[in-house]
Amino acid sequence: MPKAIIEQAGLTEEVELDVRDGAVVIAGTARPRKGWADEARKMHARDDDRPLDPSTITRFDEGEWTW
């Protein structure tokens, strides 16, 4: 495949190949977690990375756990 077509399609990283209705489909790979680490660092810097719900104390926490 010509480099110009690859660049135009934005396929600069890994690709997935699939067959649909007799055609070969080339698509970029999905990266759903891209940027999560940077966002987590920003949340921490804003002190916005605390749990949403309070901790639940269990029987184990109350009687069996010793530090």
N, C-alpha and C. Protein backbone atom coordinates (compact mmCIF):
# COMPACT_ATOMS: atom_id res chain seq x y z
N MET A 1 0.85 -1.16 0.00
CA MET A 1 0.00 0.00 0.00
C MET A 1 0.90 1.24 0.00
N PRO A 2 0.59 2.21 -0.80
CA PRO A 2 1.43 3.41 -0.87
C PRO A 2 1.45 4.18 0.45
N LYS A 3 2.60 4.73 0.78
CA LYS A 3 2.77 5.47 2.02
C LYS A 3 1.79 6.64 2.12
N ALA A 4 1.51 7.31 1.02
CA ALA A 4 0.59 8.46 1.02
C ALA A 4 -0.80 8.05 1.48
N ILE A 5 -1.26 6.89 1.07
CA ILE A 5 -2.59 6.41 1.48
C ILE A 5 -2.59 6.05 2.95
N ILE A 6 -1.53 5.41 3.41
CA ILE A 6 -1.41 5.05 4.82
C ILE A 6 -1.46 6.31 5.69
N GLU A 7 -0.72 7.33 5.32
CA GLU A 7 -0.71 8.58 6.08
C GLU A 7 -2.05 9.29 6.01
N GLN A 8 -2.68 9.30 4.85
CA GLN A 8 -3.98 9.96 4.69
C GLN A 8 -5.03 9.30 5.57
N ALA A 9 -4.95 7.99 5.73
CA ALA A 9 -5.91 7.26 6.56
C ALA A 9 -5.55 7.35 8.04
N GLY A 10 -4.40 7.92 8.37
CA GLY A 10 -3.99 8.03 9.76
C GLY A 10 -3.54 6.71 10.36
N LEU A 11 -3.07 5.80 9.54
CA LEU A 11 -2.65 4.48 10.00
C LEU A 11 -1.16 4.48 10.27
N THR A 12 -0.74 5.25 11.25
CA THR A 12 0.70 5.37 11.52
C THR A 12 1.20 4.35 12.53
N GLU A 13 0.32 3.72 13.26
CA GLU A 13 0.70 2.72 14.26
C GLU A 13 0.27 1.34 13.79
N GLU A 14 -0.14 0.50 14.72
CA GLU A 14 -0.61 -0.83 14.39
C GLU A 14 -1.97 -0.75 13.70
N VAL A 15 -2.27 -1.76 12.90
CA VAL A 15 -3.57 -1.83 12.24
C VAL A 15 -4.23 -3.18 12.50
N GLU A 16 -5.53 -3.23 12.31
CA GLU A 16 -6.28 -4.47 12.40
C GLU A 16 -6.81 -4.79 11.02
N LEU A 17 -6.72 -6.05 10.65
CA LEU A 17 -7.26 -6.51 9.38
C LEU A 17 -8.50 -7.34 9.66
N ASP A 18 -9.54 -7.12 8.86
CA ASP A 18 -10.79 -7.84 9.03
C ASP A 18 -11.38 -8.10 7.65
N VAL A 19 -12.19 -9.11 7.55
CA VAL A 19 -12.90 -9.39 6.30
C VAL A 19 -14.38 -9.17 6.55
N ARG A 20 -14.99 -8.29 5.75
CA ARG A 20 -16.41 -8.00 5.87
C ARG A 20 -17.04 -8.02 4.49
N ASP A 21 -18.01 -8.87 4.34
CA ASP A 21 -18.74 -8.97 3.06
C ASP A 21 -17.82 -9.10 1.86
N GLY A 22 -16.80 -9.92 2.00
CA GLY A 22 -15.89 -10.17 0.88
C GLY A 22 -14.84 -9.10 0.66
N ALA A 23 -14.74 -8.13 1.57
CA ALA A 23 -13.74 -7.07 1.43
C ALA A 23 -12.78 -7.12 2.61
N VAL A 24 -11.52 -6.82 2.35
CA VAL A 24 -10.53 -6.73 3.42
C VAL A 24 -10.57 -5.30 3.95
N VAL A 25 -10.80 -5.17 5.25
CA VAL A 25 -10.90 -3.86 5.89
C VAL A 25 -9.66 -3.65 6.76
N ILE A 26 -8.98 -2.55 6.54
CA ILE A 26 -7.81 -2.18 7.33
C ILE A 26 -8.22 -1.01 8.20
N ALA A 27 -8.05 -1.15 9.50
CA ALA A 27 -8.43 -0.08 10.42
C ALA A 27 -7.36 0.09 11.48
N GLY A 28 -7.27 1.31 11.98
CA GLY A 28 -6.35 1.57 13.08
C GLY A 28 -6.84 0.86 14.33
N THR A 29 -5.90 0.49 15.19
CA THR A 29 -6.28 -0.20 16.42
C THR A 29 -6.86 0.80 17.40
N ALA A 30 -7.87 0.36 18.11
CA ALA A 30 -8.49 1.21 19.13
C ALA A 30 -7.57 1.27 20.35
N ARG A 31 -7.43 2.43 20.91
CA ARG A 31 -6.62 2.59 22.12
C ARG A 31 -7.48 3.31 23.16
N PRO A 32 -8.44 2.58 23.75
CA PRO A 32 -9.39 3.23 24.66
C PRO A 32 -8.77 3.83 25.91
N ARG A 33 -7.62 3.36 26.32
CA ARG A 33 -6.99 3.87 27.54
C ARG A 33 -5.86 4.85 27.26
N LYS A 34 -5.74 5.28 26.03
CA LYS A 34 -4.68 6.22 25.68
C LYS A 34 -4.85 7.50 26.49
N GLY A 35 -3.80 7.92 27.15
CA GLY A 35 -3.82 9.17 27.91
C GLY A 35 -4.29 9.03 29.36
N TRP A 36 -4.70 7.82 29.77
CA TRP A 36 -5.19 7.65 31.14
C TRP A 36 -4.13 7.97 32.18
N ALA A 37 -2.89 7.60 31.96
CA ALA A 37 -1.84 7.85 32.95
C ALA A 37 -1.65 9.36 33.15
N ASP A 38 -1.64 10.12 32.07
CA ASP A 38 -1.50 11.58 32.19
C ASP A 38 -2.68 12.18 32.93
N GLU A 39 -3.88 11.72 32.63
CA GLU A 39 -5.07 12.24 33.32
C GLU A 39 -5.05 11.88 34.80
N ALA A 40 -4.56 10.70 35.14
CA ALA A 40 -4.47 10.30 36.54
C ALA A 40 -3.48 11.20 37.29
N ARG A 41 -2.37 11.54 36.64
CA ARG A 41 -1.40 12.45 37.27
C ARG A 41 -2.02 13.84 37.50
N LYS A 42 -2.80 14.31 36.53
CA LYS A 42 -3.46 15.62 36.68
C LYS A 42 -4.47 15.58 37.82
N MET A 43 -5.24 14.49 37.91
CA MET A 43 -6.21 14.36 39.00
C MET A 43 -5.49 14.37 40.36
N HIS A 44 -4.38 13.66 40.45
CA HIS A 44 -3.62 13.61 41.70
C HIS A 44 -3.11 15.01 42.06
N ALA A 45 -2.63 15.75 41.09
CA ALA A 45 -2.12 17.09 41.34
C ALA A 45 -3.23 18.01 41.86
N ARG A 46 -4.47 17.77 41.42
CA ARG A 46 -5.62 18.57 41.87
C ARG A 46 -6.23 18.01 43.16
N ASP A 47 -5.65 16.94 43.71
CA ASP A 47 -6.20 16.23 44.87
C ASP A 47 -7.63 15.75 44.57
N ASP A 48 -7.82 15.29 43.34
CA ASP A 48 -9.13 14.86 42.88
C ASP A 48 -9.14 13.36 42.58
N ASP A 49 -8.27 12.61 43.27
CA ASP A 49 -8.17 11.18 42.99
C ASP A 49 -8.56 10.34 44.20
N ARG A 50 -9.47 10.86 45.00
CA ARG A 50 -9.95 10.11 46.15
C ARG A 50 -11.13 9.24 45.77
N PRO A 51 -11.39 8.16 46.53
CA PRO A 51 -12.53 7.29 46.22
C PRO A 51 -13.85 8.06 46.27
N LEU A 52 -14.78 7.68 45.42
CA LEU A 52 -16.09 8.33 45.39
C LEU A 52 -16.96 7.90 46.57
N ASP A 53 -16.82 6.66 47.00
CA ASP A 53 -17.63 6.12 48.09
C ASP A 53 -16.76 5.94 49.33
N PRO A 54 -17.37 6.10 50.52
CA PRO A 54 -16.58 5.86 51.73
C PRO A 54 -16.21 4.38 51.86
N SER A 55 -15.15 4.12 52.61
CA SER A 55 -14.72 2.73 52.83
C SER A 55 -15.78 1.99 53.64
N THR A 56 -15.93 0.72 53.35
CA THR A 56 -16.86 -0.14 54.09
C THR A 56 -16.05 -1.00 55.03
N ILE A 57 -16.35 -0.89 56.31
CA ILE A 57 -15.65 -1.68 57.32
C ILE A 57 -16.29 -3.08 57.36
N THR A 58 -15.46 -4.09 57.31
CA THR A 58 -15.95 -5.46 57.34
C THR A 58 -15.63 -6.11 58.68
N ARG A 59 -16.17 -7.27 58.93
CA ARG A 59 -15.91 -8.01 60.15
C ARG A 59 -14.41 -8.29 60.27
N PHE A 60 -13.77 -8.59 59.18
CA PHE A 60 -12.33 -8.83 59.17
C PHE A 60 -11.58 -7.60 59.66
N ASP A 61 -11.99 -6.42 59.18
CA ASP A 61 -11.33 -5.18 59.59
C ASP A 61 -11.51 -4.91 61.09
N GLU A 62 -12.68 -5.23 61.61
CA GLU A 62 -12.98 -4.93 63.01
C GLU A 62 -12.30 -5.86 64.00
N GLY A 63 -12.15 -7.15 63.67
CA GLY A 63 -11.68 -8.07 64.68
C GLY A 63 -10.43 -8.84 64.37
N GLU A 64 -10.12 -9.09 63.12
CA GLU A 64 -9.02 -9.99 62.83
C GLU A 64 -7.76 -9.32 62.31
N TRP A 65 -7.88 -8.12 61.85
CA TRP A 65 -6.76 -7.44 61.23
C TRP A 65 -5.92 -6.76 62.30
N THR A 66 -4.62 -7.01 62.30
CA THR A 66 -3.72 -6.38 63.26
C THR A 66 -2.52 -5.82 62.51
N TRP A 67 -2.16 -4.60 62.83
CA TRP A 67 -0.98 -4.00 62.22
C TRP A 67 0.21 -4.27 63.07
